[in-house]
Amino acid sequence: MRYRLTFVAGLALGYVLGTRAGRERYEQLKKSARQVAQNPAVRNTAETAAQQGREIAGKALHTVSEKVGDRVPVSVTDRVRSLRERNAGGTGEDDWGTSNT
């Protein structure tokens, strides 16, 4: 209950401060966030992190596949196979709309 009250208090404080700051401050924050997101260094770092995540996920898949083996139900195996075939089409985007590059 204590955490819930803390959350509600934080939400209320954020709302009050946000309404006091007004639309002008919101636009400033939005512009700053956009500049950070479009910064080439930030974009390169995010892309590197995404690539490393994909590599680690591939290694984890291999390790899990070796350990689990034939104990996976056929329905799960079929679903994974269908997802792989669908993504092999080269759409360039995953289910969340982000780039797979």
C-alpha atoms as a PDB file:
ATOM      1  CA  MET A   1       0.000   0.000   0.000  1.00  0.00           C
ATOM      2  CA  ARG A   2       2.891   2.325   0.748  1.00  0.00           C
ATOM      3  CA  TYR A   3       4.221   1.983  -2.792  1.00  0.00           C
ATOM      4  CA  ARG A   4       0.815   2.673  -4.251  1.00  0.00           C
ATOM      5  CA  LEU A   5       0.515   5.879  -2.210  1.00  0.00           C
ATOM      6  CA  THR A   6       4.018   6.916  -3.256  1.00  0.00           C
ATOM      7  CA  PHE A   7       3.140   6.310  -6.897  1.00  0.00           C
ATOM      8  CA  VAL A   8      -0.098   8.294  -6.658  1.00  0.00           C
ATOM      9  CA  ALA A   9       1.697  11.143  -4.872  1.00  0.00           C
ATOM     10  CA  GLY A  10       4.376  11.197  -7.579  1.00  0.00           C
ATOM     11  CA  LEU A  11       1.741  11.154 -10.284  1.00  0.00           C
ATOM     12  CA  ALA A  12      -0.111  14.050  -8.665  1.00  0.00           C
ATOM     13  CA  LEU A  13       3.095  16.045  -8.217  1.00  0.00           C
ATOM     14  CA  GLY A  14       4.073  15.445 -11.840  1.00  0.00           C
ATOM     15  CA  TYR A  15       0.651  16.557 -13.010  1.00  0.00           C
ATOM     16  CA  VAL A  16       0.752  19.756 -10.954  1.00  0.00           C
ATOM     17  CA  LEU A  17       4.267  20.635 -12.070  1.00  0.00           C
ATOM     18  CA  GLY A  18       3.430  19.768 -15.659  1.00  0.00           C
ATOM     19  CA  THR A  19       0.366  21.983 -15.736  1.00  0.00           C
ATOM     20  CA  ARG A  20       2.288  24.849 -14.198  1.00  0.00           C
ATOM     21  CA  ALA A  21       5.038  24.558 -16.790  1.00  0.00           C
ATOM     22  CA  GLY A  22       2.468  24.733 -19.565  1.00  0.00           C
ATOM     23  CA  ARG A  23       2.540  23.980 -23.237  1.00  0.00           C
ATOM     24  CA  GLU A  24       5.652  26.047 -23.924  1.00  0.00           C
ATOM     25  CA  ARG A  25       7.821  23.952 -21.601  1.00  0.00           C
ATOM     26  CA  TYR A  26       6.322  20.773 -23.052  1.00  0.00           C
ATOM     27  CA  GLU A  27       7.334  21.870 -26.542  1.00  0.00           C
ATOM     28  CA  GLN A  28      10.865  22.641 -25.296  1.00  0.00           C
ATOM     29  CA  LEU A  29      11.189  19.172 -23.775  1.00  0.00           C
ATOM     30  CA  LYS A  30       9.796  17.576 -26.923  1.00  0.00           C
ATOM     31  CA  LYS A  31      12.282  19.479 -29.104  1.00  0.00           C
ATOM     32  CA  SER A  32      15.187  18.470 -26.836  1.00  0.00           C
ATOM     33  CA  ALA A  33      14.127  14.822 -26.881  1.00  0.00           C
ATOM     34  CA  ARG A  34      13.906  14.886 -30.669  1.00  0.00           C
ATOM     35  CA  GLN A  35      17.396  16.419 -30.948  1.00  0.00           C
ATOM     36  CA  VAL A  36      18.844  13.724 -28.682  1.00  0.00           C
ATOM     37  CA  ALA A  37      17.090  10.970 -30.639  1.00  0.00           C
ATOM     38  CA  GLN A  38      18.403  12.324 -33.946  1.00  0.00           C
ATOM     39  CA  ASN A  39      21.969  12.704 -32.684  1.00  0.00           C
ATOM     40  CA  PRO A  40      24.193  10.393 -34.772  1.00  0.00           C
ATOM     41  CA  ALA A  41      26.137   9.236 -31.707  1.00  0.00           C
ATOM     42  CA  VAL A  42      22.926   8.228 -29.941  1.00  0.00           C
ATOM     43  CA  ARG A  43      21.600   6.482 -33.035  1.00  0.00           C
ATOM     44  CA  ASN A  44      24.862   4.580 -33.542  1.00  0.00           C
ATOM     45  CA  THR A  45      24.934   3.510 -29.910  1.00  0.00           C
ATOM     46  CA  ALA A  46      21.321   2.340 -30.066  1.00  0.00           C
ATOM     47  CA  GLU A  47      21.989   0.405 -33.274  1.00  0.00           C
ATOM     48  CA  THR A  48      25.106  -1.208 -31.783  1.00  0.00           C
ATOM     49  CA  ALA A  49      23.141  -2.221 -28.687  1.00  0.00           C
ATOM     50  CA  ALA A  50      20.377  -3.680 -30.864  1.00  0.00           C
ATOM     51  CA  GLN A  51      22.884  -5.638 -32.947  1.00  0.00           C
ATOM     52  CA  GLN A  52      24.591  -7.028 -29.848  1.00  0.00           C
ATOM     53  CA  GLY A  53      21.208  -7.962 -28.426  1.00  0.00           C
ATOM     54  CA  ARG A  54      20.358  -9.901 -31.586  1.00  0.00           C
ATOM     55  CA  GLU A  55      23.708 -11.711 -31.458  1.00  0.00           C
ATOM     56  CA  ILE A  56      23.270 -12.653 -27.803  1.00  0.00           C
ATOM     57  CA  ALA A  57      19.699 -13.784 -28.459  1.00  0.00           C
ATOM     58  CA  GLY A  58      20.951 -15.994 -31.292  1.00  0.00           C
ATOM     59  CA  LYS A  59      23.553 -17.584 -29.022  1.00  0.00           C
ATOM     60  CA  ALA A  60      20.947 -18.068 -26.300  1.00  0.00           C
ATOM     61  CA  LEU A  61      18.608 -19.718 -28.807  1.00  0.00           C
ATOM     62  CA  HIS A  62      21.331 -22.140 -29.804  1.00  0.00           C
ATOM     63  CA  THR A  63      22.161 -22.973 -26.176  1.00  0.00           C
ATOM     64  CA  VAL A  64      18.529 -23.434 -25.198  1.00  0.00           C
ATOM     65  CA  SER A  65      17.841 -25.541 -28.280  1.00  0.00           C
ATOM     66  CA  GLU A  66      20.683 -27.880 -27.354  1.00  0.00           C
ATOM     67  CA  LYS A  67      19.535 -28.225 -23.747  1.00  0.00           C
ATOM     68  CA  VAL A  68      15.804 -28.492 -24.358  1.00  0.00           C
ATOM     69  CA  GLY A  69      16.025 -30.664 -27.445  1.00  0.00           C
ATOM     70  CA  ASP A  70      12.966 -32.748 -28.240  1.00  0.00           C
ATOM     71  CA  ARG A  71      11.099 -31.798 -25.065  1.00  0.00           C
ATOM     72  CA  VAL A  72       9.443 -28.797 -26.737  1.00  0.00           C
ATOM     73  CA  PRO A  73       5.822 -29.443 -27.753  1.00  0.00           C
ATOM     74  CA  VAL A  74       5.145 -29.709 -31.469  1.00  0.00           C
ATOM     75  CA  SER A  75       2.769 -26.714 -31.336  1.00  0.00           C
ATOM     76  CA  VAL A  76       5.572 -24.464 -30.073  1.00  0.00           C
ATOM     77  CA  THR A  77       8.012 -25.801 -32.648  1.00  0.00           C
ATOM     78  CA  ASP A  78       5.508 -25.166 -35.457  1.00  0.00           C
ATOM     79  CA  ARG A  79       4.851 -21.634 -34.220  1.00  0.00           C
ATOM     80  CA  VAL A  80       8.560 -20.774 -34.094  1.00  0.00           C
ATOM     81  CA  ARG A  81       9.083 -22.258 -37.550  1.00  0.00           C
ATOM     82  CA  SER A  82       6.200 -20.217 -38.982  1.00  0.00           C
ATOM     83  CA  LEU A  83       7.566 -17.031 -37.413  1.00  0.00           C
ATOM     84  CA  ARG A  84      11.001 -17.688 -38.891  1.00  0.00           C
ATOM     85  CA  GLU A  85       9.520 -18.298 -42.342  1.00  0.00           C
ATOM     86  CA  ARG A  86       7.435 -15.140 -42.116  1.00  0.00           C
ATOM     87  CA  ASN A  87      10.474 -13.060 -41.117  1.00  0.00           C
ATOM     88  CA  ALA A  88      12.616 -14.667 -43.822  1.00  0.00           C
ATOM     89  CA  GLY A  89      10.565 -12.682 -46.341  1.00  0.00           C
ATOM     90  CA  GLY A  90      12.779  -9.696 -45.552  1.00  0.00           C
ATOM     91  CA  THR A  91      10.135  -7.205 -44.470  1.00  0.00           C
ATOM     92  CA  GLY A  92      12.828  -5.309 -42.553  1.00  0.00           C
ATOM     93  CA  GLU A  93      10.629  -4.749 -39.527  1.00  0.00           C
ATOM     94  CA  ASP A  94       9.760  -6.812 -36.495  1.00  0.00           C
ATOM     95  CA  ASP A  95       6.394  -6.983 -34.739  1.00  0.00           C
ATOM     96  CA  TRP A  96       7.089  -3.704 -32.934  1.00  0.00           C
ATOM     97  CA  GLY A  97       7.788  -1.723 -36.085  1.00  0.00           C
ATOM     98  CA  THR A  98      11.498  -1.313 -35.444  1.00  0.00           C
ATOM     99  CA  SER A  99      14.268  -1.964 -37.896  1.00  0.00           C
ATOM    100  CA  ASN A 100      15.914  -5.369 -37.972  1.00  0.00           C
ATOM    101  CA  THR A 101      19.203  -3.963 -39.247  1.00  0.00           C
END
